[in-house]
Amino acid sequence: MTLDQIDDRPDLFQVKNVIPDHLIKELKKLPLEAMPFSKQEWQDHIARRKLAIFPDSVLEKIQYAINQRQNQIGDFLSTKVTHIDSYFWYDHEGFTFPSHIDNPGVRTVMQIYLSDCPGNGTVFYQVDDHEVEDREDNQRWHYTGTEPPNLKRKEFEFKENTGYLMINNRRQLHGVPAVLGPSKTRLSVYCHIH
């Protein structure tokens, strides 16, 4: 696994080669359209499925492989990582995600792309402090600038076994502006790092 800081702010990193190749190959054999799923909390209005994870499945093996990276991630971030919670997202036709800032309950997260879907990766934007309003609600941080935002900080390519690691803060505006067409899907694993 490699982690590379993308600019002078130490809160966003490019991640590569997290999942062993043999698990990626095993994953490609899964009939994703037929897999059991639920809706992701707070995201039930978008074209996203949260895939069910069964004992001894390739999804569980990938979860285990990610958790084996705790020390490496902790050393890189100069912190102690105690565990990593992972969810598998399968995005399908019509998926898009408007620019937003995650609420403060989201601290450090990593999203690893498990398939290729050119032009549909996560985009992080440059924002100034005056474009973010603090409110007394569950979301807390609200972007008030132009939509879509004018300046991109980093557009991550949706490429197999790559992704990003983000340390959340009030300037981490991001989203997926492209809309998935009928022949495109995105498979990823989203990880909360504790």
Foldseek 3Di string as FASTA:
>chain_A
DDWADQDPDPFKTKFFDQFDPVLLVLVVPDPVVPFDFDADPPGNPFQKTWGDDDPPHSVVVRLVSNQVCQVVVCVVVVHHWDHKDKIKMKGAAFGWWFKAAAAPVQFKKWKAWSAADFLFFKWWFFDDPVQWDADPDRRGTGGNDDVPDDGTPDGDGRHHRMTMMGGGDNRGIMIGHDGHHHVDMTIMMMMRTD
